[in-house]
Amino acid sequence: QNIQMPNSLPLESSFADYCSEQGIALLAAAPLSMGLLTRRGPPKWHPAHPSLCKACNLSSKICDENEVDISYLAIMYALAHSQISCTLLGMKNKNEVDKAVHAAAKFNSIIEGNNFDLPPMIVLQNILSDQEFATLTLLLDDHNGPFAKATEEGWSQWDGFLEAETFWDQWKLQNIDSSNNHSGHSGVINDKLSL
């Protein structure tokens, strides 16, 4: 089905609201924002603006000070949005799988009680510990939270398509430079990228 997006959405609407009204399922990929919302932080090549990276780093420190796992909060926040049909997580070991299962299991009482259409913060208030919810509320504070400056500067979100395209262009240039300086397999990689 070919879907036409309107040229503009009403200010009180969102892309998620539009999709919901049209019967379009949404899925969330990368609720940890490619490492931004983890204790270890993002890889050096991450495409987010430095202001957003700084805000995420500060958020991680706030979580650590409050003995709350930032990754857990990010996953729970993504799962709490009823407009998102599926949240995709990348997991690299059994411990991460166990943590994800534990997080998802917390939603059983919400789902069984048919309360999943509640606003996300109400859902989270009912399933997070008091300390977790207080920390999340602090992180999401539009005026004093760690994202306030990045939001004010317009860097609290990033265009994934544009950023991905920019990243791959830069990656190709770096690898072309390295293939000119070294013999080896980097030319094969570059050939495959251009397919």
Protein backbone atom coordinates (compact mmCIF):
# COMPACT_ATOMS: atom_id res chain seq x y z
CA GLN A 1 0.00 0.00 0.00
CA ASN A 2 1.36 3.41 -0.97
CA ILE A 3 0.91 5.81 1.91
CA GLN A 4 0.89 9.56 1.45
CA MET A 5 2.16 11.56 4.39
CA PRO A 6 0.54 14.96 4.80
CA ASN A 7 2.81 17.94 4.07
CA SER A 8 2.50 18.98 7.68
CA LEU A 9 0.98 17.55 10.80
CA PRO A 10 -1.03 19.63 13.27
CA LEU A 11 1.18 20.95 16.07
CA GLU A 12 -0.57 18.80 18.66
CA SER A 13 -0.09 15.70 16.53
CA SER A 14 2.96 13.51 16.03
CA PHE A 15 4.17 11.03 13.49
CA ALA A 16 3.11 8.26 15.90
CA ASP A 17 -0.39 9.77 16.19
CA TYR A 18 -0.68 9.99 12.42
CA CYS A 19 0.38 6.36 11.97
CA SER A 20 -2.03 5.21 14.67
CA GLU A 21 -4.92 7.07 13.00
CA GLN A 22 -4.01 5.46 9.65
CA GLY A 23 -3.71 1.96 11.12
CA ILE A 24 0.02 1.85 10.43
CA ALA A 25 2.11 -0.16 12.86
CA LEU A 26 5.29 1.44 14.16
CA LEU A 27 8.38 -0.26 15.42
CA ALA A 28 11.18 1.18 17.47
CA ALA A 29 14.64 0.22 16.42
CA ALA A 30 17.63 1.02 18.59
CA PRO A 31 15.94 2.18 21.81
CA LEU A 32 19.47 2.54 23.19
CA SER A 33 20.19 4.94 20.32
CA MET A 34 23.17 3.02 19.00
CA GLY A 35 24.93 3.15 22.35
CA LEU A 36 24.02 6.70 23.42
CA LEU A 37 21.82 5.41 26.23
CA THR A 38 24.30 2.97 27.74
CA ARG A 39 26.88 3.20 30.50
CA ARG A 40 29.74 2.67 28.05
CA GLY A 41 28.46 5.40 25.72
CA PRO A 42 28.36 5.49 21.93
CA PRO A 43 31.14 4.48 19.57
CA LYS A 44 33.37 7.32 18.34
CA TRP A 45 31.74 7.25 14.91
CA HIS A 46 28.22 7.84 16.28
CA PRO A 47 26.39 10.36 14.08
CA ALA A 48 24.64 12.29 16.87
CA HIS A 49 25.58 15.92 17.47
CA PRO A 50 28.11 16.43 20.30
CA SER A 51 25.46 18.29 22.35
CA LEU A 52 23.22 15.23 22.29
CA CYS A 53 26.15 12.93 23.11
CA LYS A 54 27.04 15.18 26.06
CA ALA A 55 23.43 15.12 27.30
CA CYS A 56 23.34 11.31 27.10
CA ASN A 57 26.67 11.04 28.92
CA LEU A 58 25.35 13.32 31.69
CA SER A 59 22.16 11.23 31.81
CA SER A 60 24.23 8.09 32.30
CA LYS A 61 26.10 9.73 35.18
CA ILE A 62 22.81 10.81 36.79
CA CYS A 63 21.54 7.25 36.49
CA ASP A 64 24.73 5.86 38.04
CA GLU A 65 24.47 8.34 40.94
CA ASN A 66 20.91 7.12 41.53
CA GLU A 67 21.83 3.44 41.09
CA VAL A 68 19.61 3.13 38.04
CA ASP A 69 20.60 1.47 34.75
CA ILE A 70 20.17 3.98 31.91
CA SER A 71 19.76 1.19 29.35
CA TYR A 72 16.95 -0.35 31.38
CA LEU A 73 15.16 3.02 31.55
CA ALA A 74 15.54 3.52 27.80
CA ILE A 75 14.11 0.08 27.05
CA MET A 76 11.24 0.56 29.49
CA TYR A 77 10.49 4.00 28.02
CA ALA A 78 10.31 2.52 24.51
CA LEU A 79 8.12 -0.39 25.61
CA ALA A 80 5.69 1.92 27.45
CA HIS A 81 4.47 3.58 24.26
CA SER A 82 1.34 1.76 23.13
CA GLN A 83 1.58 3.28 19.65
CA ILE A 84 4.76 1.29 19.05
CA SER A 85 3.89 -2.27 18.09
CA CYS A 86 7.39 -3.70 18.32
CA THR A 87 10.68 -2.66 19.87
CA LEU A 88 13.81 -4.22 18.40
CA LEU A 89 16.75 -4.77 20.72
CA GLY A 90 20.24 -5.90 19.86
CA MET A 91 21.65 -8.24 22.47
CA LYS A 92 25.13 -9.72 22.51
CA ASN A 93 25.05 -12.16 25.42
CA LYS A 94 22.79 -14.14 27.75
CA ASN A 95 22.92 -11.46 30.44
CA GLU A 96 21.51 -8.86 28.04
CA VAL A 97 18.80 -11.29 26.92
CA ASP A 98 17.87 -11.96 30.57
CA LYS A 99 17.66 -8.21 31.26
CA ALA A 100 15.43 -7.66 28.22
CA VAL A 101 13.11 -10.51 29.23
CA HIS A 102 12.91 -9.09 32.78
CA ALA A 103 12.03 -5.65 31.39
CA ALA A 104 9.35 -6.99 29.04
CA ALA A 105 7.83 -9.18 31.78
CA LYS A 106 7.09 -6.07 33.84
CA PHE A 107 4.47 -5.14 31.26
CA ASN A 108 2.42 -8.32 31.81
CA SER A 109 0.18 -6.72 34.46
CA ILE A 110 -0.42 -3.71 32.21
CA ILE A 111 -1.27 -5.90 29.21
CA GLU A 112 -3.42 -8.35 31.21
CA GLY A 113 -5.37 -5.47 32.73
CA ASN A 114 -5.98 -3.98 29.28
CA ASN A 115 -4.38 -0.77 30.52
CA PHE A 116 -1.89 -0.44 27.71
CA ASP A 117 -3.53 2.64 26.22
CA LEU A 118 -2.54 4.66 29.26
CA PRO A 119 -0.04 7.48 28.71
CA PRO A 120 3.54 6.16 28.84
CA MET A 121 4.47 7.99 32.04
CA ILE A 122 1.45 6.53 33.87
CA VAL A 123 2.44 3.05 32.68
CA LEU A 124 6.02 3.63 33.82
CA GLN A 125 4.94 5.01 37.19
CA ASN A 126 3.14 1.73 37.79
CA ILE A 127 5.99 -0.60 36.82
CA LEU A 128 9.23 1.20 37.67
CA SER A 129 10.56 1.45 41.21
CA ASP A 130 10.18 4.83 42.89
CA GLN A 131 13.91 5.51 42.38
CA GLU A 132 13.77 4.54 38.69
CA PHE A 133 10.70 6.70 38.05
CA ALA A 134 12.18 9.69 39.90
CA THR A 135 15.39 9.38 37.87
CA LEU A 136 13.46 9.11 34.59
CA THR A 137 11.41 12.17 35.51
CA LEU A 138 14.63 14.08 36.20
CA LEU A 139 16.11 13.01 32.86
CA LEU A 140 12.99 14.08 30.97
CA ASP A 141 12.69 17.50 32.65
CA ASP A 142 12.45 19.94 29.72
CA HIS A 143 13.85 22.88 31.70
CA ASN A 144 16.48 21.46 34.06
CA GLY A 145 17.17 17.96 32.78
CA PRO A 146 20.31 16.92 30.93
CA PHE A 147 18.59 17.26 27.54
CA ALA A 148 17.34 20.83 28.10
CA LYS A 149 20.30 22.50 26.36
CA ALA A 150 20.42 20.02 23.47
CA THR A 151 16.67 20.52 22.98
CA GLU A 152 17.04 24.31 23.09
CA GLU A 153 19.82 24.09 20.47
CA GLY A 154 17.70 21.78 18.31
CA TRP A 155 19.95 18.74 18.76
CA SER A 156 17.75 16.55 20.97
CA GLN A 157 16.76 14.46 17.96
CA TRP A 158 18.53 13.58 14.79
CA ASP A 159 17.45 12.64 11.30
CA GLY A 160 18.51 9.01 11.08
CA PHE A 161 18.29 8.84 7.29
CA LEU A 162 20.39 11.94 6.72
CA GLU A 163 22.85 10.96 9.43
CA ALA A 164 23.21 7.42 8.09
CA GLU A 165 23.88 8.71 4.60
CA THR A 166 26.49 11.16 5.94
CA PHE A 167 28.08 8.41 8.03
CA TRP A 168 28.43 6.01 5.07
CA ASP A 169 29.85 8.77 2.87
CA GLN A 170 32.47 9.55 5.52
CA TRP A 171 33.18 5.86 6.09
CA LYS A 172 33.75 5.28 2.39
CA LEU A 173 36.12 8.25 2.19
CA GLN A 174 38.11 7.02 5.20
CA ASN A 175 38.39 3.54 3.75
CA ILE A 176 39.36 4.80 0.31
CA ASP A 177 42.14 6.80 1.99
CA SER A 178 43.26 3.76 3.97
CA SER A 179 43.15 1.51 0.88
CA ASN A 180 45.44 3.97 -0.89
CA ASN A 181 47.88 3.78 2.02
CA HIS A 182 47.74 0.03 2.72
CA SER A 183 47.46 -3.12 0.71
CA GLY A 184 44.92 -5.67 1.82
CA HIS A 185 41.21 -6.25 1.88
CA SER A 186 39.84 -2.71 2.28
CA GLY A 187 39.33 -2.44 -1.50
CA VAL A 188 37.03 -5.46 -1.35
CA ILE A 189 34.95 -3.77 1.33
CA ASN A 190 34.69 -0.59 -0.72
CA ASP A 191 33.65 -2.57 -3.82
CA LYS A 192 30.89 -4.26 -1.84
CA LEU A 193 29.63 -0.92 -0.49
CA SER A 194 29.23 0.46 -3.99
CA LEU A 195 27.01 -2.43 -5.13
